[in-house]
C-alpha atoms as a PDB file:
ATOM      1  CA  UNK A   1     115.425 115.766 118.634  1.00  0.00           C
ATOM      2  CA  UNK A   2     118.788 115.647 117.030  1.00  0.00           C
ATOM      3  CA  UNK A   3     119.349 112.300 115.403  1.00  0.00           C
ATOM      4  CA  UNK A   4     122.800 110.781 115.400  1.00  0.00           C
ATOM      5  CA  UNK A   5     124.494 107.513 114.856  1.00  0.00           C
ATOM      6  CA  UNK A   6     125.055 106.067 118.344  1.00  0.00           C
ATOM      7  CA  UNK A   7     126.828 102.925 119.540  1.00  0.00           C
ATOM      8  CA  UNK A   8     124.832 100.512 121.534  1.00  0.00           C
ATOM      9  CA  UNK A   9     125.251 101.358 125.215  1.00  0.00           C
ATOM     10  CA  UNK A  10     124.011  97.960 126.284  1.00  0.00           C
ATOM     11  CA  UNK A  11     127.100  96.068 125.205  1.00  0.00           C
ATOM     12  CA  UNK A  12     128.336  93.702 127.815  1.00  0.00           C
ATOM     13  CA  UNK A  13     131.120  92.004 125.813  1.00  0.00           C
ATOM     14  CA  UNK A  14     134.657  93.108 124.610  1.00  0.00           C
ATOM     15  CA  UNK A  15     133.589  93.780 121.065  1.00  0.00           C
ATOM     16  CA  UNK A  16     133.457  97.418 119.888  1.00  0.00           C
ATOM     17  CA  UNK A  17     129.959  98.958 120.314  1.00  0.00           C
ATOM     18  CA  UNK A  18     127.640  98.321 117.323  1.00  0.00           C
ATOM     19  CA  UNK A  19     126.885 101.382 115.261  1.00  0.00           C
ATOM     20  CA  UNK A  20     123.181 101.853 115.380  1.00  0.00           C
ATOM     21  CA  UNK A  21     120.888 104.738 114.347  1.00  0.00           C
ATOM     22  CA  UNK A  22     118.214 105.576 116.956  1.00  0.00           C
ATOM     23  CA  UNK A  23     115.194 107.965 116.842  1.00  0.00           C
ATOM     24  CA  UNK A  24     113.915 108.245 120.421  1.00  0.00           C
ATOM     25  CA  UNK A  25     114.886 108.238 124.055  1.00  0.00           C
ATOM     26  CA  UNK A  26     111.848 106.636 125.659  1.00  0.00           C
ATOM     27  CA  UNK A  27     112.959 104.746 128.722  1.00  0.00           C
ATOM     28  CA  UNK A  28     112.934 100.924 128.387  1.00  0.00           C
ATOM     29  CA  UNK A  29     112.420 101.111 124.605  1.00  0.00           C
ATOM     30  CA  UNK A  30     114.888  98.937 122.709  1.00  0.00           C
ATOM     31  CA  UNK A  31     115.050 100.098 119.036  1.00  0.00           C
ATOM     32  CA  UNK A  32     117.361 101.017 116.287  1.00  0.00           C
ATOM     33  CA  UNK A  33     118.351 100.775 112.648  1.00  0.00           C
ATOM     34  CA  UNK A  34     121.426  98.623 112.163  1.00  0.00           C
ATOM     35  CA  UNK A  35     124.217  99.488 109.716  1.00  0.00           C
ATOM     36  CA  UNK A  36     126.256  96.841 107.895  1.00  0.00           C
ATOM     37  CA  UNK A  37     129.234  97.555 110.129  1.00  0.00           C
ATOM     38  CA  UNK A  38     130.598  95.837 113.256  1.00  0.00           C
ATOM     39  CA  UNK A  39     130.282  92.250 112.356  1.00  0.00           C
ATOM     40  CA  UNK A  40     132.471  89.292 111.046  1.00  0.00           C
ATOM     41  CA  UNK A  41     130.879  88.459 107.689  1.00  0.00           C
ATOM     42  CA  UNK A  42     133.017  88.959 104.607  1.00  0.00           C
ATOM     43  CA  UNK A  43     132.757  89.826 100.936  1.00  0.00           C
ATOM     44  CA  UNK A  44     129.322  90.947  99.720  1.00  0.00           C
ATOM     45  CA  UNK A  45     127.984  90.322 103.290  1.00  0.00           C
ATOM     46  CA  UNK A  46     130.588  92.447 105.020  1.00  0.00           C
ATOM     47  CA  UNK A  47     130.193  92.780 107.846  1.00  0.00           C
ATOM     48  CA  UNK A  48     127.119  92.821 110.068  1.00  0.00           C
ATOM     49  CA  UNK A  49     124.661  90.670 108.172  1.00  0.00           C
ATOM     50  CA  UNK A  50     121.954  88.983 110.329  1.00  0.00           C
ATOM     51  CA  UNK A  51     119.970  87.362 107.490  1.00  0.00           C
ATOM     52  CA  UNK A  52     120.373  83.567 107.246  1.00  0.00           C
ATOM     53  CA  UNK A  53     118.766  83.169 103.872  1.00  0.00           C
ATOM     54  CA  UNK A  54     120.959  85.286 101.590  1.00  0.00           C
ATOM     55  CA  UNK A  55     123.953  82.977 101.123  1.00  0.00           C
ATOM     56  CA  UNK A  56     126.258  84.277 103.858  1.00  0.00           C
ATOM     57  CA  UNK A  57     128.408  81.807 105.908  1.00  0.00           C
ATOM     58  CA  UNK A  58     126.097  80.421 108.614  1.00  0.00           C
ATOM     59  CA  UNK A  59     128.912  80.640 111.185  1.00  0.00           C
ATOM     60  CA  UNK A  60     129.404  84.278 110.522  1.00  0.00           C
ATOM     61  CA  UNK A  61     125.734  84.996 110.792  1.00  0.00           C
ATOM     62  CA  UNK A  62     125.644  83.175 114.164  1.00  0.00           C
ATOM     63  CA  UNK A  63     128.615  85.189 115.379  1.00  0.00           C
ATOM     64  CA  UNK A  64     126.899  88.476 114.330  1.00  0.00           C
ATOM     65  CA  UNK A  65     123.698  87.356 116.187  1.00  0.00           C
ATOM     66  CA  UNK A  66     125.827  86.610 119.246  1.00  0.00           C
ATOM     67  CA  UNK A  67     127.136  90.113 119.143  1.00  0.00           C
ATOM     68  CA  UNK A  68     123.594  91.595 118.852  1.00  0.00           C
ATOM     69  CA  UNK A  69     122.329  89.470 121.751  1.00  0.00           C
ATOM     70  CA  UNK A  70     125.288  90.499 123.844  1.00  0.00           C
ATOM     71  CA  UNK A  71     124.321  94.060 123.305  1.00  0.00           C
ATOM     72  CA  UNK A  72     120.653  93.484 123.953  1.00  0.00           C
ATOM     73  CA  UNK A  73     120.364  90.540 126.484  1.00  0.00           C
ATOM     74  CA  UNK A  74     117.116  89.272 127.832  1.00  0.00           C
ATOM     75  CA  UNK A  75     114.913  89.905 124.794  1.00  0.00           C
ATOM     76  CA  UNK A  76     113.446  87.584 122.214  1.00  0.00           C
ATOM     77  CA  UNK A  77     113.521  88.588 118.491  1.00  0.00           C
ATOM     78  CA  UNK A  78     110.324  88.127 116.495  1.00  0.00           C
ATOM     79  CA  UNK A  79     110.574  87.958 112.670  1.00  0.00           C
ATOM     80  CA  UNK A  80     108.184  87.177 109.894  1.00  0.00           C
ATOM     81  CA  UNK A  81     108.839  85.803 106.405  1.00  0.00           C
ATOM     82  CA  UNK A  82     108.773  88.973 104.349  1.00  0.00           C
ATOM     83  CA  UNK A  83     106.910  88.817 101.045  1.00  0.00           C
ATOM     84  CA  UNK A  84     106.471  92.514  99.904  1.00  0.00           C
ATOM     85  CA  UNK A  85     102.751  92.551 100.916  1.00  0.00           C
ATOM     86  CA  UNK A  86     100.658  94.340 103.557  1.00  0.00           C
ATOM     87  CA  UNK A  87      99.835  91.765 106.085  1.00  0.00           C
ATOM     88  CA  UNK A  88     100.475  92.855 109.706  1.00  0.00           C
ATOM     89  CA  UNK A  89     100.519  90.392 112.617  1.00  0.00           C
ATOM     90  CA  UNK A  90      99.788  90.912 116.336  1.00  0.00           C
ATOM     91  CA  UNK A  91     102.713  89.154 118.092  1.00  0.00           C
ATOM     92  CA  UNK A  92     102.406  87.522 121.443  1.00  0.00           C
ATOM     93  CA  UNK A  93     105.560  85.406 121.216  1.00  0.00           C
ATOM     94  CA  UNK A  94     108.647  85.193 118.975  1.00  0.00           C
ATOM     95  CA  UNK A  95     107.783  81.630 117.996  1.00  0.00           C
ATOM     96  CA  UNK A  96     104.387  82.846 116.644  1.00  0.00           C
ATOM     97  CA  UNK A  97     106.196  85.374 114.379  1.00  0.00           C
ATOM     98  CA  UNK A  98     108.648  82.760 112.928  1.00  0.00           C
ATOM     99  CA  UNK A  99     105.712  80.826 111.513  1.00  0.00           C
ATOM    100  CA  UNK A 100     103.988  83.818 109.892  1.00  0.00           C
ATOM    101  CA  UNK A 101     104.268  85.259 106.438  1.00  0.00           C
ATOM    102  CA  UNK A 102     103.850  88.923 106.197  1.00  0.00           C
ATOM    103  CA  UNK A 103     105.601  92.325 106.234  1.00  0.00           C
ATOM    104  CA  UNK A 104     104.648  93.844 109.593  1.00  0.00           C
ATOM    105  CA  UNK A 105     104.190  93.140 113.306  1.00  0.00           C
ATOM    106  CA  UNK A 106     102.860  94.953 116.249  1.00  0.00           C
ATOM    107  CA  UNK A 107     102.984  94.031 119.983  1.00  0.00           C
ATOM    108  CA  UNK A 108     102.658  95.330 123.470  1.00  0.00           C
ATOM    109  CA  UNK A 109     104.301  92.270 125.041  1.00  0.00           C
ATOM    110  CA  UNK A 110     107.389  93.009 127.127  1.00  0.00           C
ATOM    111  CA  UNK A 111     110.650  91.386 126.220  1.00  0.00           C
ATOM    112  CA  UNK A 112     109.818  90.954 122.533  1.00  0.00           C
ATOM    113  CA  UNK A 113     111.728  92.828 119.921  1.00  0.00           C
ATOM    114  CA  UNK A 114     110.152  93.028 116.449  1.00  0.00           C
ATOM    115  CA  UNK A 115     112.699  92.940 113.643  1.00  0.00           C
ATOM    116  CA  UNK A 116     112.468  93.576 109.885  1.00  0.00           C
ATOM    117  CA  UNK A 117     115.183  93.291 107.309  1.00  0.00           C
ATOM    118  CA  UNK A 118     115.888  95.605 104.364  1.00  0.00           C
ATOM    119  CA  UNK A 119     118.486  96.499 101.733  1.00  0.00           C
ATOM    120  CA  UNK A 120     116.941  99.524 100.013  1.00  0.00           C
ATOM    121  CA  UNK A 121     113.263  99.054 101.117  1.00  0.00           C
ATOM    122  CA  UNK A 122     111.972 101.365 103.868  1.00  0.00           C
ATOM    123  CA  UNK A 123     112.044 100.053 107.410  1.00  0.00           C
ATOM    124  CA  UNK A 124     109.328 101.636 109.495  1.00  0.00           C
ATOM    125  CA  UNK A 125     109.362 101.625 113.325  1.00  0.00           C
ATOM    126  CA  UNK A 126     106.339 102.894 115.280  1.00  0.00           C
ATOM    127  CA  UNK A 127     105.689 103.504 118.906  1.00  0.00           C
ATOM    128  CA  UNK A 128     102.898 104.852 121.143  1.00  0.00           C
ATOM    129  CA  UNK A 129     104.917 105.226 124.447  1.00  0.00           C
ATOM    130  CA  UNK A 130     101.891 105.809 126.594  1.00  0.00           C
ATOM    131  CA  UNK A 131     100.047 102.679 125.477  1.00  0.00           C
ATOM    132  CA  UNK A 132     103.341 100.734 125.192  1.00  0.00           C
ATOM    133  CA  UNK A 133     102.452  99.549 121.709  1.00  0.00           C
ATOM    134  CA  UNK A 134     105.220  99.146 119.085  1.00  0.00           C
ATOM    135  CA  UNK A 135     105.295  98.168 115.440  1.00  0.00           C
ATOM    136  CA  UNK A 136     107.823  97.275 112.751  1.00  0.00           C
ATOM    137  CA  UNK A 137     107.076  97.227 109.022  1.00  0.00           C
ATOM    138  CA  UNK A 138     108.993  96.308 105.844  1.00  0.00           C
ATOM    139  CA  UNK A 139     107.854  98.724 103.076  1.00  0.00           C
ATOM    140  CA  UNK A 140     109.117  97.997  99.514  1.00  0.00           C
ATOM    141  CA  UNK A 141     107.370  99.728  96.588  1.00  0.00           C
ATOM    142  CA  UNK A 142     104.763  96.941  96.451  1.00  0.00           C
ATOM    143  CA  UNK A 143     104.011  97.267 100.159  1.00  0.00           C
ATOM    144  CA  UNK A 144     103.748 101.067  99.805  1.00  0.00           C
ATOM    145  CA  UNK A 145     101.201 100.654  97.066  1.00  0.00           C
ATOM    146  CA  UNK A 146      99.321  98.129  99.149  1.00  0.00           C
ATOM    147  CA  UNK A 147      99.195 100.390 102.147  1.00  0.00           C
ATOM    148  CA  UNK A 148     101.436  98.609 104.562  1.00  0.00           C
ATOM    149  CA  UNK A 149     102.047 101.761 106.574  1.00  0.00           C
ATOM    150  CA  UNK A 150      98.407 102.457 107.210  1.00  0.00           C
ATOM    151  CA  UNK A 151      97.671  98.777 107.823  1.00  0.00           C
ATOM    152  CA  UNK A 152     100.428  98.904 110.471  1.00  0.00           C
ATOM    153  CA  UNK A 153      98.914 101.917 112.069  1.00  0.00           C
ATOM    154  CA  UNK A 154      95.437 100.247 112.224  1.00  0.00           C
ATOM    155  CA  UNK A 155      97.187  97.204 113.830  1.00  0.00           C
ATOM    156  CA  UNK A 156      98.727  99.542 116.411  1.00  0.00           C
ATOM    157  CA  UNK A 157      95.299 101.162 117.123  1.00  0.00           C
ATOM    158  CA  UNK A 158      93.755  97.739 117.590  1.00  0.00           C
ATOM    159  CA  UNK A 159      96.216  97.037 120.402  1.00  0.00           C
ATOM    160  CA  UNK A 160      95.334 100.312 122.100  1.00  0.00           C
ATOM    161  CA  UNK A 161      97.634 102.876 120.455  1.00  0.00           C
ATOM    162  CA  UNK A 162      96.442 106.371 119.741  1.00  0.00           C
ATOM    163  CA  UNK A 163      96.957 107.759 116.256  1.00  0.00           C
ATOM    164  CA  UNK A 164      97.713 111.215 117.692  1.00  0.00           C
ATOM    165  CA  UNK A 165     100.421 109.805 119.975  1.00  0.00           C
ATOM    166  CA  UNK A 166     102.130 107.449 117.539  1.00  0.00           C
ATOM    167  CA  UNK A 167     105.669 108.256 116.722  1.00  0.00           C
ATOM    168  CA  UNK A 168     107.115 106.944 113.446  1.00  0.00           C
ATOM    169  CA  UNK A 169     110.691 106.621 112.174  1.00  0.00           C
ATOM    170  CA  UNK A 170     111.426 105.834 108.548  1.00  0.00           C
ATOM    171  CA  UNK A 171     114.901 104.241 108.502  1.00  0.00           C
ATOM    172  CA  UNK A 172     117.686 104.109 105.959  1.00  0.00           C
ATOM    173  CA  UNK A 173     116.371 103.274 102.508  1.00  0.00           C
ATOM    174  CA  UNK A 174     116.916 104.117  98.877  1.00  0.00           C
ATOM    175  CA  UNK A 175     116.356 107.817  98.462  1.00  0.00           C
ATOM    176  CA  UNK A 176     114.660 109.966  95.864  1.00  0.00           C
ATOM    177  CA  UNK A 177     118.067 110.496  94.391  1.00  0.00           C
ATOM    178  CA  UNK A 178     118.434 106.878  93.371  1.00  0.00           C
ATOM    179  CA  UNK A 179     115.105 105.156  93.243  1.00  0.00           C
ATOM    180  CA  UNK A 180     114.524 105.289  89.496  1.00  0.00           C
ATOM    181  CA  UNK A 181     111.642 103.156  88.138  1.00  0.00           C
ATOM    182  CA  UNK A 182     109.833 102.552  84.892  1.00  0.00           C
ATOM    183  CA  UNK A 183     107.519 105.313  84.042  1.00  0.00           C
ATOM    184  CA  UNK A 184     104.595 102.867  83.971  1.00  0.00           C
ATOM    185  CA  UNK A 185     105.155 102.057  87.575  1.00  0.00           C
ATOM    186  CA  UNK A 186     105.415 105.717  88.509  1.00  0.00           C
ATOM    187  CA  UNK A 187     102.067 106.230  86.684  1.00  0.00           C
ATOM    188  CA  UNK A 188     100.638 103.372  88.824  1.00  0.00           C
ATOM    189  CA  UNK A 189     101.780 105.118  91.986  1.00  0.00           C
ATOM    190  CA  UNK A 190     100.045 108.397  90.950  1.00  0.00           C
ATOM    191  CA  UNK A 191      96.870 106.561  89.890  1.00  0.00           C
ATOM    192  CA  UNK A 192      96.531 104.640  93.162  1.00  0.00           C
ATOM    193  CA  UNK A 193      98.142 107.290  95.447  1.00  0.00           C
ATOM    194  CA  UNK A 194      97.421 110.771  93.984  1.00  0.00           C
ATOM    195  CA  UNK A 195      99.732 112.391  96.556  1.00  0.00           C
ATOM    196  CA  UNK A 196     102.686 110.487  94.957  1.00  0.00           C
ATOM    197  CA  UNK A 197     102.560 113.026  92.083  1.00  0.00           C
ATOM    198  CA  UNK A 198     104.325 115.535  94.448  1.00  0.00           C
ATOM    199  CA  UNK A 199     107.131 113.024  95.070  1.00  0.00           C
ATOM    200  CA  UNK A 200     107.816 112.085  91.450  1.00  0.00           C
ATOM    201  CA  UNK A 201     110.385 113.654  89.032  1.00  0.00           C
ATOM    202  CA  UNK A 202     111.610 112.788  85.553  1.00  0.00           C
ATOM    203  CA  UNK A 203     114.561 110.464  85.029  1.00  0.00           C
ATOM    204  CA  UNK A 204     116.023 108.892  81.985  1.00  0.00           C
ATOM    205  CA  UNK A 205     113.962 108.186  78.900  1.00  0.00           C
ATOM    206  CA  UNK A 206     110.905 106.142  80.061  1.00  0.00           C
ATOM    207  CA  UNK A 207     111.942 106.374  83.675  1.00  0.00           C
ATOM    208  CA  UNK A 208     111.028 108.434  86.738  1.00  0.00           C
ATOM    209  CA  UNK A 209     112.302 108.912  90.243  1.00  0.00           C
ATOM    210  CA  UNK A 210     110.029 108.322  93.315  1.00  0.00           C
ATOM    211  CA  UNK A 211     110.601 109.364  96.917  1.00  0.00           C
ATOM    212  CA  UNK A 212     109.237 106.350  98.831  1.00  0.00           C
ATOM    213  CA  UNK A 213     109.749 107.858 102.285  1.00  0.00           C
ATOM    214  CA  UNK A 214     107.997 110.995 101.372  1.00  0.00           C
ATOM    215  CA  UNK A 215     105.074 109.015 100.012  1.00  0.00           C
ATOM    216  CA  UNK A 216     104.869 107.024 103.253  1.00  0.00           C
ATOM    217  CA  UNK A 217     105.055 110.145 105.358  1.00  0.00           C
ATOM    218  CA  UNK A 218     102.068 111.592 103.276  1.00  0.00           C
ATOM    219  CA  UNK A 219     100.115 108.401 103.812  1.00  0.00           C
ATOM    220  CA  UNK A 220     100.576 108.418 107.558  1.00  0.00           C
ATOM    221  CA  UNK A 221      99.902 112.150 107.877  1.00  0.00           C
ATOM    222  CA  UNK A 222      96.630 111.706 105.956  1.00  0.00           C
ATOM    223  CA  UNK A 223      95.819 108.857 108.419  1.00  0.00           C
ATOM    224  CA  UNK A 224      96.057 111.337 111.279  1.00  0.00           C
ATOM    225  CA  UNK A 225      99.581 111.044 112.681  1.00  0.00           C
ATOM    226  CA  UNK A 226     100.849 114.624 113.488  1.00  0.00           C
ATOM    227  CA  UNK A 227     103.521 115.375 110.858  1.00  0.00           C
ATOM    228  CA  UNK A 228     106.130 116.328 113.480  1.00  0.00           C
ATOM    229  CA  UNK A 229     105.909 112.779 114.901  1.00  0.00           C
ATOM    230  CA  UNK A 230     107.039 111.240 111.520  1.00  0.00           C
ATOM    231  CA  UNK A 231     110.787 111.465 111.007  1.00  0.00           C
ATOM    232  CA  UNK A 232     113.409 110.176 108.607  1.00  0.00           C
ATOM    233  CA  UNK A 233     116.440 108.425 110.172  1.00  0.00           C
ATOM    234  CA  UNK A 234     119.572 107.765 108.068  1.00  0.00           C
ATOM    235  CA  UNK A 235     120.569 108.377 104.563  1.00  0.00           C
ATOM    236  CA  UNK A 236     120.039 106.806 101.097  1.00  0.00           C
ATOM    237  CA  UNK A 237     121.264 103.252 101.191  1.00  0.00           C
ATOM    238  CA  UNK A 238     122.494 103.207  97.637  1.00  0.00           C
ATOM    239  CA  UNK A 239     124.508 106.404  98.055  1.00  0.00           C
ATOM    240  CA  UNK A 240     125.968 105.092 101.317  1.00  0.00           C
ATOM    241  CA  UNK A 241     126.470 101.440 100.407  1.00  0.00           C
ATOM    242  CA  UNK A 242     129.691 101.371 102.471  1.00  0.00           C
ATOM    243  CA  UNK A 243     127.515 101.767 105.571  1.00  0.00           C
ATOM    244  CA  UNK A 244     124.389 100.079 104.524  1.00  0.00           C
ATOM    245  CA  UNK A 245     123.462  96.996 102.363  1.00  0.00           C
ATOM    246  CA  UNK A 246     121.929  98.072  99.050  1.00  0.00           C
ATOM    247  CA  UNK A 247     120.633  95.757  96.389  1.00  0.00           C
ATOM    248  CA  UNK A 248     120.681  98.515  93.795  1.00  0.00           C
ATOM    249  CA  UNK A 249     124.307  99.303  94.577  1.00  0.00           C
ATOM    250  CA  UNK A 250     125.075  95.603  94.233  1.00  0.00           C
ATOM    251  CA  UNK A 251     123.500  95.623  90.841  1.00  0.00           C
ATOM    252  CA  UNK A 252     121.622  92.417  91.470  1.00  0.00           C
ATOM    253  CA  UNK A 253     124.493  90.496  93.067  1.00  0.00           C
ATOM    254  CA  UNK A 254     124.233  88.905  96.425  1.00  0.00           C
ATOM    255  CA  UNK A 255     124.243  91.132  99.407  1.00  0.00           C
ATOM    256  CA  UNK A 256     123.453  91.136 103.140  1.00  0.00           C
ATOM    257  CA  UNK A 257     120.445  92.735 104.885  1.00  0.00           C
ATOM    258  CA  UNK A 258     120.384  95.182 107.781  1.00  0.00           C
ATOM    259  CA  UNK A 259     117.987  94.726 110.648  1.00  0.00           C
ATOM    260  CA  UNK A 260     115.685  97.365 112.128  1.00  0.00           C
ATOM    261  CA  UNK A 261     114.087  96.531 115.533  1.00  0.00           C
ATOM    262  CA  UNK A 262     111.818  97.810 118.294  1.00  0.00           C
ATOM    263  CA  UNK A 263     110.449  96.411 121.506  1.00  0.00           C
ATOM    264  CA  UNK A 264     110.135  96.963 125.220  1.00  0.00           C
ATOM    265  CA  UNK A 265     112.498  95.511 127.846  1.00  0.00           C
ATOM    266  CA  UNK A 266     111.063  92.801 130.097  1.00  0.00           C
ATOM    267  CA  UNK A 267     110.656  95.035 133.150  1.00  0.00           C
ATOM    268  CA  UNK A 268     107.525  97.180 133.626  1.00  0.00           C
ATOM    269  CA  UNK A 269     107.828 100.227 131.454  1.00  0.00           C
ATOM    270  CA  UNK A 270     108.923 102.911 133.815  1.00  0.00           C
ATOM    271  CA  UNK A 271     108.052 105.705 131.294  1.00  0.00           C
ATOM    272  CA  UNK A 272     104.431 104.658 131.641  1.00  0.00           C
ATOM    273  CA  UNK A 273     104.660 104.671 135.455  1.00  0.00           C
ATOM    274  CA  UNK A 274     105.863 108.295 135.382  1.00  0.00           C
ATOM    275  CA  UNK A 275     103.263 109.592 132.878  1.00  0.00           C
END
């Protein structure tokens, strides 16, 4: 499937369509990787920041959320308090998620959209369209080492998903071109995840570059997901910091976060009825 940046076609207000990267065309599936464009936040948070805890003007964040909900009416957004770990929650209601600490969620409940926030870490969206199970994961380097991707897959299977049917999209994140780390950390990756050796290259003195998305793809393929069902969506966030929030590009200064989301509309999934 050709991947392209598409505006939300669900918009019901007079604002310009939100620029969103999508991976699939499954009917009744609400999903996408937000960019930093299309909102009202200013300065370091310009312009579509949806995170309330990063120092942005609360009124601007509320206005951005209003635009998102206008584009996707009738769904509840479930979020967890992300901590760079590997805990994945089964979500039955958005209120349940708000109280939870972790870095992943799965659900088969209609009308709930799972959302994770990133600014260089890898957002992972997962779906088994036949079983109507979806998942959203936040994978920073700590989460990758802790196996957040395979933990998320196991949580999907526990809800009825099939590994062989699960589609995965790895969203905009810092690329192998820019993710330079201390060599000791790269050594840790190779020691704990031997496949990471293939996705490591030398950097400056005492440094190496790692390809996080490639490492995650390898983990999920080893877990049984067909390789052609695992895709990258979007570019390096640091190289494209005009379109995406990037903490590396901000050099430690305050910045916003972009949201990645997935869920089913409230109505019965018509894709399932036809298949």
